[in-house]
Amino acid sequence: MTLGSYQRVVLVYLLLLAVVHITFAAFPRIDLAVSAWFAQAQGGFAWANGPMDAFNAVVRRTGELVAVAILLAALWAALSKRCKPDLMRLVAFPALTVLVACIGVVNMLLKSYVGRARPHTVTEFGGTAQFSPPWQVVNECTSNCSFTSGEVAMSASLAMPALVLVWPWLRSRPAQGLAVAAAVGYVVLTAVLRIGLGRHFLSDVIFSTLIAAAVALALYALLGVRQAQASVAARWGASKRP
């Protein structure tokens, strides 16, 4: 990604962030309308009592295993004297995105202090808690609350850096399209499961994705990912020459 491309991506991100904030501020009940697609007439969510819950567990555990593997790889890279600095930066990119976006901002900060009730606990879907808009600090939940989604933050924190890291080696448009589809599909799948199970609102999953994107964009520049990719690619290419 050239400097100009990076600046355009940041601009698009900021515009998208503004649109999302304005939309949910003006129409907060979009969350209830979307969750209602998955809710049962008698209350609760049908997916929460069927195979989709088990499928969600598989998706979650798989993501957690990948995240742990990346964090361990980053720890090894930091402690190993044999790991080149450029390779270390590439390994640190997804690891730090998970640490900062998923563990830090979402799980330790937002989910602990915003206090937003999960969809299956609000009165509109058979619970006793009151619905609140995104970013509004309330006392409807005491811990591990709805805003924002930790699982979507994790999937986005894995998918975005992975796409960035493999992109320079994708020489054909079909390969690039497949990579984009895989990354987007993974995040969307996780988001739909969380909404369908009644665990999160639409705004929860969207803002988790945006938080992960912001952290990934910042780390891309701070770690010099583009330069590290070029250095590793040149060294790998040189080693493969006869």
C-alpha atoms as a PDB file:
ATOM      1  CA  MET A   1       0.000   0.000   0.000  1.00  0.00           C
ATOM      2  CA  THR A   2       1.555   3.286  -1.102  1.00  0.00           C
ATOM      3  CA  LEU A   3       1.387   6.439   1.015  1.00  0.00           C
ATOM      4  CA  GLY A   4      -1.307   7.844  -1.245  1.00  0.00           C
ATOM      5  CA  SER A   5      -3.353   4.648  -1.021  1.00  0.00           C
ATOM      6  CA  TYR A   6      -3.006   4.624   2.764  1.00  0.00           C
ATOM      7  CA  GLN A   7      -4.200   8.207   2.995  1.00  0.00           C
ATOM      8  CA  ARG A   8      -7.229   7.404   0.830  1.00  0.00           C
ATOM      9  CA  VAL A   9      -8.079   4.403   2.990  1.00  0.00           C
ATOM     10  CA  VAL A  10      -7.867   6.565   6.128  1.00  0.00           C
ATOM     11  CA  LEU A  11     -10.110   9.189   4.526  1.00  0.00           C
ATOM     12  CA  VAL A  12     -12.698   6.575   3.539  1.00  0.00           C
ATOM     13  CA  TYR A  13     -12.552   5.156   7.054  1.00  0.00           C
ATOM     14  CA  LEU A  14     -13.170   8.561   8.647  1.00  0.00           C
ATOM     15  CA  LEU A  15     -16.108   9.245   6.343  1.00  0.00           C
ATOM     16  CA  LEU A  16     -17.588   5.833   7.100  1.00  0.00           C
ATOM     17  CA  LEU A  17     -17.084   6.361  10.825  1.00  0.00           C
ATOM     18  CA  ALA A  18     -18.923   9.686  10.653  1.00  0.00           C
ATOM     19  CA  VAL A  19     -21.816   8.191   8.682  1.00  0.00           C
ATOM     20  CA  VAL A  20     -22.191   5.302  11.135  1.00  0.00           C
ATOM     21  CA  HIS A  21     -22.107   7.596  14.175  1.00  0.00           C
ATOM     22  CA  ILE A  22     -24.679   9.969  12.679  1.00  0.00           C
ATOM     23  CA  THR A  23     -26.957   7.122  11.586  1.00  0.00           C
ATOM     24  CA  PHE A  24     -27.104   5.418  14.987  1.00  0.00           C
ATOM     25  CA  ALA A  25     -27.353   8.737  16.825  1.00  0.00           C
ATOM     26  CA  ALA A  26     -30.335   9.760  14.696  1.00  0.00           C
ATOM     27  CA  PHE A  27     -31.980   6.329  14.510  1.00  0.00           C
ATOM     28  CA  PRO A  28     -30.884   4.244  17.530  1.00  0.00           C
ATOM     29  CA  ARG A  29     -33.850   1.894  17.226  1.00  0.00           C
ATOM     30  CA  ILE A  30     -32.327   0.417  14.072  1.00  0.00           C
ATOM     31  CA  ASP A  31     -30.709  -1.973  16.537  1.00  0.00           C
ATOM     32  CA  LEU A  32     -34.065  -3.209  17.775  1.00  0.00           C
ATOM     33  CA  ALA A  33     -35.450  -3.516  14.254  1.00  0.00           C
ATOM     34  CA  VAL A  34     -32.547  -5.694  13.090  1.00  0.00           C
ATOM     35  CA  SER A  35     -32.587  -7.883  16.208  1.00  0.00           C
ATOM     36  CA  ALA A  36     -36.342  -8.343  15.793  1.00  0.00           C
ATOM     37  CA  TRP A  37     -35.666 -10.283  12.565  1.00  0.00           C
ATOM     38  CA  PHE A  38     -34.199 -13.064  14.701  1.00  0.00           C
ATOM     39  CA  ALA A  39     -36.446 -12.783  17.774  1.00  0.00           C
ATOM     40  CA  GLN A  40     -39.316 -15.105  18.617  1.00  0.00           C
ATOM     41  CA  ALA A  41     -42.841 -13.818  19.171  1.00  0.00           C
ATOM     42  CA  GLN A  42     -42.940 -15.259  22.693  1.00  0.00           C
ATOM     43  CA  GLY A  43     -39.581 -13.704  23.561  1.00  0.00           C
ATOM     44  CA  GLY A  44     -35.979 -14.776  23.225  1.00  0.00           C
ATOM     45  CA  PHE A  45     -34.071 -15.822  20.115  1.00  0.00           C
ATOM     46  CA  ALA A  46     -34.552 -19.113  18.275  1.00  0.00           C
ATOM     47  CA  TRP A  47     -30.868 -19.468  17.355  1.00  0.00           C
ATOM     48  CA  ALA A  48     -29.928 -19.487  21.044  1.00  0.00           C
ATOM     49  CA  ASN A  49     -31.557 -22.910  21.498  1.00  0.00           C
ATOM     50  CA  GLY A  50     -30.381 -24.699  18.376  1.00  0.00           C
ATOM     51  CA  PRO A  51     -27.341 -25.780  16.385  1.00  0.00           C
ATOM     52  CA  MET A  52     -26.393 -22.175  15.609  1.00  0.00           C
ATOM     53  CA  ASP A  53     -25.251 -21.742  19.202  1.00  0.00           C
ATOM     54  CA  ALA A  54     -22.903 -24.709  18.838  1.00  0.00           C
ATOM     55  CA  PHE A  55     -21.706 -23.398  15.481  1.00  0.00           C
ATOM     56  CA  ASN A  56     -20.984 -20.027  17.081  1.00  0.00           C
ATOM     57  CA  ALA A  57     -18.914 -21.801  19.740  1.00  0.00           C
ATOM     58  CA  VAL A  58     -16.839 -23.515  17.035  1.00  0.00           C
ATOM     59  CA  VAL A  59     -16.251 -20.217  15.227  1.00  0.00           C
ATOM     60  CA  ARG A  60     -15.327 -18.510  18.492  1.00  0.00           C
ATOM     61  CA  ARG A  61     -12.941 -21.234  19.672  1.00  0.00           C
ATOM     62  CA  THR A  62     -11.252 -21.390  16.288  1.00  0.00           C
ATOM     63  CA  GLY A  63     -10.658 -17.643  16.361  1.00  0.00           C
ATOM     64  CA  GLU A  64      -9.365 -17.822  19.914  1.00  0.00           C
ATOM     65  CA  LEU A  65      -6.906 -20.595  19.005  1.00  0.00           C
ATOM     66  CA  VAL A  66      -5.620 -18.588  16.041  1.00  0.00           C
ATOM     67  CA  ALA A  67      -5.302 -15.464  18.205  1.00  0.00           C
ATOM     68  CA  VAL A  68      -3.369 -17.369  20.892  1.00  0.00           C
ATOM     69  CA  ALA A  69      -1.067 -18.854  18.252  1.00  0.00           C
ATOM     70  CA  ILE A  70      -0.354 -15.383  16.852  1.00  0.00           C
ATOM     71  CA  LEU A  71       0.307 -13.944  20.305  1.00  0.00           C
ATOM     72  CA  LEU A  72       2.698 -16.797  21.090  1.00  0.00           C
ATOM     73  CA  ALA A  73       4.443 -16.293  17.747  1.00  0.00           C
ATOM     74  CA  ALA A  74       4.847 -12.598  18.516  1.00  0.00           C
ATOM     75  CA  LEU A  75       6.232 -13.416  21.966  1.00  0.00           C
ATOM     76  CA  TRP A  76       8.711 -15.856  20.413  1.00  0.00           C
ATOM     77  CA  ALA A  77       9.721 -13.237  17.839  1.00  0.00           C
ATOM     78  CA  ALA A  78      10.310 -10.670  20.566  1.00  0.00           C
ATOM     79  CA  LEU A  79      12.441 -13.043  22.650  1.00  0.00           C
ATOM     80  CA  SER A  80      14.296 -14.784  19.838  1.00  0.00           C
ATOM     81  CA  LYS A  81      17.583 -13.381  18.641  1.00  0.00           C
ATOM     82  CA  ARG A  82      17.184 -15.233  15.344  1.00  0.00           C
ATOM     83  CA  CYS A  83      14.051 -13.339  14.266  1.00  0.00           C
ATOM     84  CA  LYS A  84      14.839 -10.489  11.885  1.00  0.00           C
ATOM     85  CA  PRO A  85      13.394  -7.067  12.854  1.00  0.00           C
ATOM     86  CA  ASP A  86      11.306  -6.825   9.667  1.00  0.00           C
ATOM     87  CA  LEU A  87       9.745 -10.231  10.241  1.00  0.00           C
ATOM     88  CA  MET A  88       9.177  -9.311  13.871  1.00  0.00           C
ATOM     89  CA  ARG A  89       7.165  -6.256  12.825  1.00  0.00           C
ATOM     90  CA  LEU A  90       5.004  -8.354  10.521  1.00  0.00           C
ATOM     91  CA  VAL A  91       4.278 -10.850  13.290  1.00  0.00           C
ATOM     92  CA  ALA A  92       3.602  -8.031  15.756  1.00  0.00           C
ATOM     93  CA  PHE A  93       1.043  -6.414  13.439  1.00  0.00           C
ATOM     94  CA  PRO A  94      -1.839  -8.904  13.966  1.00  0.00           C
ATOM     95  CA  ALA A  95      -0.780  -9.662  17.547  1.00  0.00           C
ATOM     96  CA  LEU A  96      -0.908  -6.017  18.623  1.00  0.00           C
ATOM     97  CA  THR A  97      -4.164  -5.467  16.748  1.00  0.00           C
ATOM     98  CA  VAL A  98      -5.771  -8.262  18.784  1.00  0.00           C
ATOM     99  CA  LEU A  99      -4.225  -7.029  22.027  1.00  0.00           C
ATOM    100  CA  VAL A 100      -5.171  -3.381  21.598  1.00  0.00           C
ATOM    101  CA  ALA A 101      -8.517  -3.564  19.779  1.00  0.00           C
ATOM    102  CA  CYS A 102     -10.070  -6.772  21.088  1.00  0.00           C
ATOM    103  CA  ILE A 103      -8.579  -7.240  24.539  1.00  0.00           C
ATOM    104  CA  GLY A 104      -7.838  -3.635  25.458  1.00  0.00           C
ATOM    105  CA  VAL A 105     -10.408  -1.273  23.959  1.00  0.00           C
ATOM    106  CA  VAL A 106     -13.391  -3.612  23.599  1.00  0.00           C
ATOM    107  CA  ASN A 107     -13.170  -6.165  26.406  1.00  0.00           C
ATOM    108  CA  MET A 108     -11.342  -4.275  29.123  1.00  0.00           C
ATOM    109  CA  LEU A 109     -12.776  -0.811  28.476  1.00  0.00           C
ATOM    110  CA  LEU A 110     -16.082  -0.643  26.602  1.00  0.00           C
ATOM    111  CA  LYS A 111     -17.665  -3.925  27.686  1.00  0.00           C
ATOM    112  CA  SER A 112     -16.736  -3.207  31.296  1.00  0.00           C
ATOM    113  CA  TYR A 113     -17.898   0.394  31.608  1.00  0.00           C
ATOM    114  CA  VAL A 114     -20.618   1.260  29.065  1.00  0.00           C
ATOM    115  CA  GLY A 115     -23.156  -1.041  30.728  1.00  0.00           C
ATOM    116  CA  ARG A 116     -25.360  -1.721  27.722  1.00  0.00           C
ATOM    117  CA  ALA A 117     -27.773  -4.638  28.088  1.00  0.00           C
ATOM    118  CA  ARG A 118     -27.618  -7.506  25.612  1.00  0.00           C
ATOM    119  CA  PRO A 119     -30.573  -7.914  23.227  1.00  0.00           C
ATOM    120  CA  HIS A 120     -31.930 -11.060  24.875  1.00  0.00           C
ATOM    121  CA  THR A 121     -32.152  -9.217  28.216  1.00  0.00           C
ATOM    122  CA  VAL A 122     -34.092  -6.108  27.109  1.00  0.00           C
ATOM    123  CA  THR A 123     -37.851  -5.785  27.586  1.00  0.00           C
ATOM    124  CA  GLU A 124     -38.535  -5.715  23.832  1.00  0.00           C
ATOM    125  CA  PHE A 125     -37.371  -9.341  23.583  1.00  0.00           C
ATOM    126  CA  GLY A 126     -38.706 -10.766  26.844  1.00  0.00           C
ATOM    127  CA  GLY A 127     -36.091  -9.524  29.316  1.00  0.00           C
ATOM    128  CA  THR A 128     -36.202  -6.937  32.078  1.00  0.00           C
ATOM    129  CA  ALA A 129     -33.411  -4.510  31.123  1.00  0.00           C
ATOM    130  CA  GLN A 130     -33.921  -1.246  29.263  1.00  0.00           C
ATOM    131  CA  PHE A 131     -32.600  -0.699  25.747  1.00  0.00           C
ATOM    132  CA  SER A 132     -29.992   2.044  25.370  1.00  0.00           C
ATOM    133  CA  PRO A 133     -28.321   3.534  22.272  1.00  0.00           C
ATOM    134  CA  PRO A 134     -24.652   2.835  21.455  1.00  0.00           C
ATOM    135  CA  TRP A 135     -22.035   4.832  23.411  1.00  0.00           C
ATOM    136  CA  GLN A 136     -24.563   5.815  26.099  1.00  0.00           C
ATOM    137  CA  VAL A 137     -23.166   4.893  29.521  1.00  0.00           C
ATOM    138  CA  VAL A 138     -25.891   3.191  31.569  1.00  0.00           C
ATOM    139  CA  ASN A 139     -26.250   0.679  34.413  1.00  0.00           C
ATOM    140  CA  GLU A 140     -28.314  -1.988  32.661  1.00  0.00           C
ATOM    141  CA  CYS A 141     -25.442  -4.496  32.791  1.00  0.00           C
ATOM    142  CA  THR A 142     -22.628  -4.918  35.317  1.00  0.00           C
ATOM    143  CA  SER A 143     -20.022  -6.981  33.427  1.00  0.00           C
ATOM    144  CA  ASN A 144     -19.312  -8.515  30.005  1.00  0.00           C
ATOM    145  CA  CYS A 145     -21.942  -6.250  28.502  1.00  0.00           C
ATOM    146  CA  SER A 146     -23.227  -5.816  24.968  1.00  0.00           C
ATOM    147  CA  PHE A 147     -21.275  -2.808  23.739  1.00  0.00           C
ATOM    148  CA  THR A 148     -19.232  -3.662  21.791  1.00  0.00           C
ATOM    149  CA  SER A 149     -18.807  -7.234  20.536  1.00  0.00           C
ATOM    150  CA  GLY A 150     -15.636  -8.946  21.692  1.00  0.00           C
ATOM    151  CA  GLU A 151     -15.971 -11.810  19.217  1.00  0.00           C
ATOM    152  CA  VAL A 152     -16.437  -9.499  16.237  1.00  0.00           C
ATOM    153  CA  ALA A 153     -13.530  -7.369  17.435  1.00  0.00           C
ATOM    154  CA  MET A 154     -11.408 -10.525  17.511  1.00  0.00           C
ATOM    155  CA  SER A 155     -12.488 -11.696  14.057  1.00  0.00           C
ATOM    156  CA  ALA A 156     -11.877  -8.255  12.557  1.00  0.00           C
ATOM    157  CA  SER A 157      -8.527  -7.967  14.374  1.00  0.00           C
ATOM    158  CA  LEU A 158      -7.476 -11.242  12.785  1.00  0.00           C
ATOM    159  CA  ALA A 159      -8.976 -10.789   9.324  1.00  0.00           C
ATOM    160  CA  MET A 160      -7.795  -7.259   8.526  1.00  0.00           C
ATOM    161  CA  PRO A 161      -4.082  -7.697   9.308  1.00  0.00           C
ATOM    162  CA  ALA A 162      -4.121 -11.109   7.615  1.00  0.00           C
ATOM    163  CA  LEU A 163      -5.500  -9.557   4.434  1.00  0.00           C
ATOM    164  CA  VAL A 164      -2.899  -6.781   4.543  1.00  0.00           C
ATOM    165  CA  LEU A 165      -0.032  -9.221   5.103  1.00  0.00           C
ATOM    166  CA  VAL A 166      -0.903 -11.575   2.242  1.00  0.00           C
ATOM    167  CA  TRP A 167      -1.918  -8.866  -0.239  1.00  0.00           C
ATOM    168  CA  PRO A 168       1.528  -8.211  -1.816  1.00  0.00           C
ATOM    169  CA  TRP A 169       1.797 -11.899  -2.714  1.00  0.00           C
ATOM    170  CA  LEU A 170      -1.607 -12.052  -4.408  1.00  0.00           C
ATOM    171  CA  ARG A 171      -0.708 -11.421  -8.046  1.00  0.00           C
ATOM    172  CA  SER A 172      -4.053 -12.122  -9.724  1.00  0.00           C
ATOM    173  CA  ARG A 173      -7.428 -10.474  -9.337  1.00  0.00           C
ATOM    174  CA  PRO A 174      -9.185 -13.800  -8.596  1.00  0.00           C
ATOM    175  CA  ALA A 175      -6.742 -14.440  -5.746  1.00  0.00           C
ATOM    176  CA  GLN A 176      -7.262 -10.936  -4.394  1.00  0.00           C
ATOM    177  CA  GLY A 177     -11.020 -11.277  -4.653  1.00  0.00           C
ATOM    178  CA  LEU A 178     -10.951 -14.610  -2.844  1.00  0.00           C
ATOM    179  CA  ALA A 179      -8.826 -13.163  -0.037  1.00  0.00           C
ATOM    180  CA  VAL A 180     -11.152 -10.182   0.403  1.00  0.00           C
ATOM    181  CA  ALA A 181     -14.208 -12.463   0.351  1.00  0.00           C
ATOM    182  CA  ALA A 182     -12.649 -14.731   2.986  1.00  0.00           C
ATOM    183  CA  ALA A 183     -11.772 -11.831   5.298  1.00  0.00           C
ATOM    184  CA  VAL A 184     -15.124 -10.088   4.919  1.00  0.00           C
ATOM    185  CA  GLY A 185     -17.011 -13.378   5.133  1.00  0.00           C
ATOM    186  CA  TYR A 186     -15.348 -14.326   8.410  1.00  0.00           C
ATOM    187  CA  VAL A 187     -16.233 -11.003  10.045  1.00  0.00           C
ATOM    188  CA  VAL A 188     -19.787 -10.976   8.662  1.00  0.00           C
ATOM    189  CA  LEU A 189     -20.374 -14.578   9.736  1.00  0.00           C
ATOM    190  CA  THR A 190     -19.272 -13.779  13.276  1.00  0.00           C
ATOM    191  CA  ALA A 191     -21.435 -10.638  13.332  1.00  0.00           C
ATOM    192  CA  VAL A 192     -24.571 -12.387  12.051  1.00  0.00           C
ATOM    193  CA  LEU A 193     -24.157 -15.187  14.584  1.00  0.00           C
ATOM    194  CA  ARG A 194     -23.857 -12.724  17.465  1.00  0.00           C
ATOM    195  CA  ILE A 195     -26.950 -10.789  16.344  1.00  0.00           C
ATOM    196  CA  GLY A 196     -28.961 -13.913  15.558  1.00  0.00           C
ATOM    197  CA  LEU A 197     -28.218 -15.431  18.967  1.00  0.00           C
ATOM    198  CA  GLY A 198     -29.441 -12.285  20.684  1.00  0.00           C
ATOM    199  CA  ARG A 199     -26.044 -11.543  22.180  1.00  0.00           C
ATOM    200  CA  HIS A 200     -25.334  -8.267  20.368  1.00  0.00           C
ATOM    201  CA  PHE A 201     -27.034  -5.446  18.499  1.00  0.00           C
ATOM    202  CA  LEU A 202     -26.119  -4.343  14.984  1.00  0.00           C
ATOM    203  CA  SER A 203     -24.271  -1.290  16.309  1.00  0.00           C
ATOM    204  CA  ASP A 204     -22.205  -3.506  18.641  1.00  0.00           C
ATOM    205  CA  VAL A 205     -20.766  -5.519  15.764  1.00  0.00           C
ATOM    206  CA  ILE A 206     -20.299  -2.514  13.460  1.00  0.00           C
ATOM    207  CA  PHE A 207     -18.431  -0.452  16.034  1.00  0.00           C
ATOM    208  CA  SER A 208     -16.257  -3.435  16.964  1.00  0.00           C
ATOM    209  CA  THR A 209     -15.257  -3.728  13.324  1.00  0.00           C
ATOM    210  CA  LEU A 210     -14.529  -0.007  13.114  1.00  0.00           C
ATOM    211  CA  ILE A 211     -12.444  -0.116  16.292  1.00  0.00           C
ATOM    212  CA  ALA A 212     -10.378  -2.996  14.936  1.00  0.00           C
ATOM    213  CA  ALA A 213      -9.956  -1.131  11.642  1.00  0.00           C
ATOM    214  CA  ALA A 214      -8.758   2.012  13.426  1.00  0.00           C
ATOM    215  CA  VAL A 215      -6.178   0.077  15.423  1.00  0.00           C
ATOM    216  CA  ALA A 216      -5.002  -1.832  12.347  1.00  0.00           C
ATOM    217  CA  LEU A 217      -4.621   1.384  10.344  1.00  0.00           C
ATOM    218  CA  ALA A 218      -2.644   3.039  13.141  1.00  0.00           C
ATOM    219  CA  LEU A 219      -0.372   0.038  13.643  1.00  0.00           C
ATOM    220  CA  TYR A 220       0.198  -0.310   9.901  1.00  0.00           C
ATOM    221  CA  ALA A 221       1.829   3.107   9.927  1.00  0.00           C
ATOM    222  CA  LEU A 222       3.503   2.901  13.353  1.00  0.00           C
ATOM    223  CA  LEU A 223       5.125  -0.472  12.679  1.00  0.00           C
ATOM    224  CA  GLY A 224       6.126   0.366   9.127  1.00  0.00           C
ATOM    225  CA  VAL A 225       4.357  -2.724   7.786  1.00  0.00           C
ATOM    226  CA  ARG A 226       4.765  -1.709   4.138  1.00  0.00           C
ATOM    227  CA  GLN A 227       8.512  -1.306   4.471  1.00  0.00           C
ATOM    228  CA  ALA A 228       8.810  -4.563   6.413  1.00  0.00           C
ATOM    229  CA  GLN A 229       6.831  -6.401   3.739  1.00  0.00           C
ATOM    230  CA  ALA A 230       9.082  -5.044   1.008  1.00  0.00           C
ATOM    231  CA  SER A 231      12.214  -6.044   2.922  1.00  0.00           C
ATOM    232  CA  VAL A 232      10.991  -9.573   3.659  1.00  0.00           C
ATOM    233  CA  ALA A 233       9.759 -10.038   0.090  1.00  0.00           C
ATOM    234  CA  ALA A 234      13.102  -8.892  -1.345  1.00  0.00           C
ATOM    235  CA  ARG A 235      15.063 -11.192   0.951  1.00  0.00           C
ATOM    236  CA  TRP A 236      12.778 -14.146   0.231  1.00  0.00           C
ATOM    237  CA  GLY A 237      12.955 -13.482  -3.487  1.00  0.00           C
ATOM    238  CA  ALA A 238      16.716 -13.221  -3.397  1.00  0.00           C
ATOM    239  CA  SER A 239      17.014 -16.506  -1.522  1.00  0.00           C
ATOM    240  CA  LYS A 240      14.967 -18.256  -4.200  1.00  0.00           C
ATOM    241  CA  ARG A 241      17.118 -17.178  -7.114  1.00  0.00           C
ATOM    242  CA  PRO A 242      19.393 -19.858  -8.626  1.00  0.00           C
END
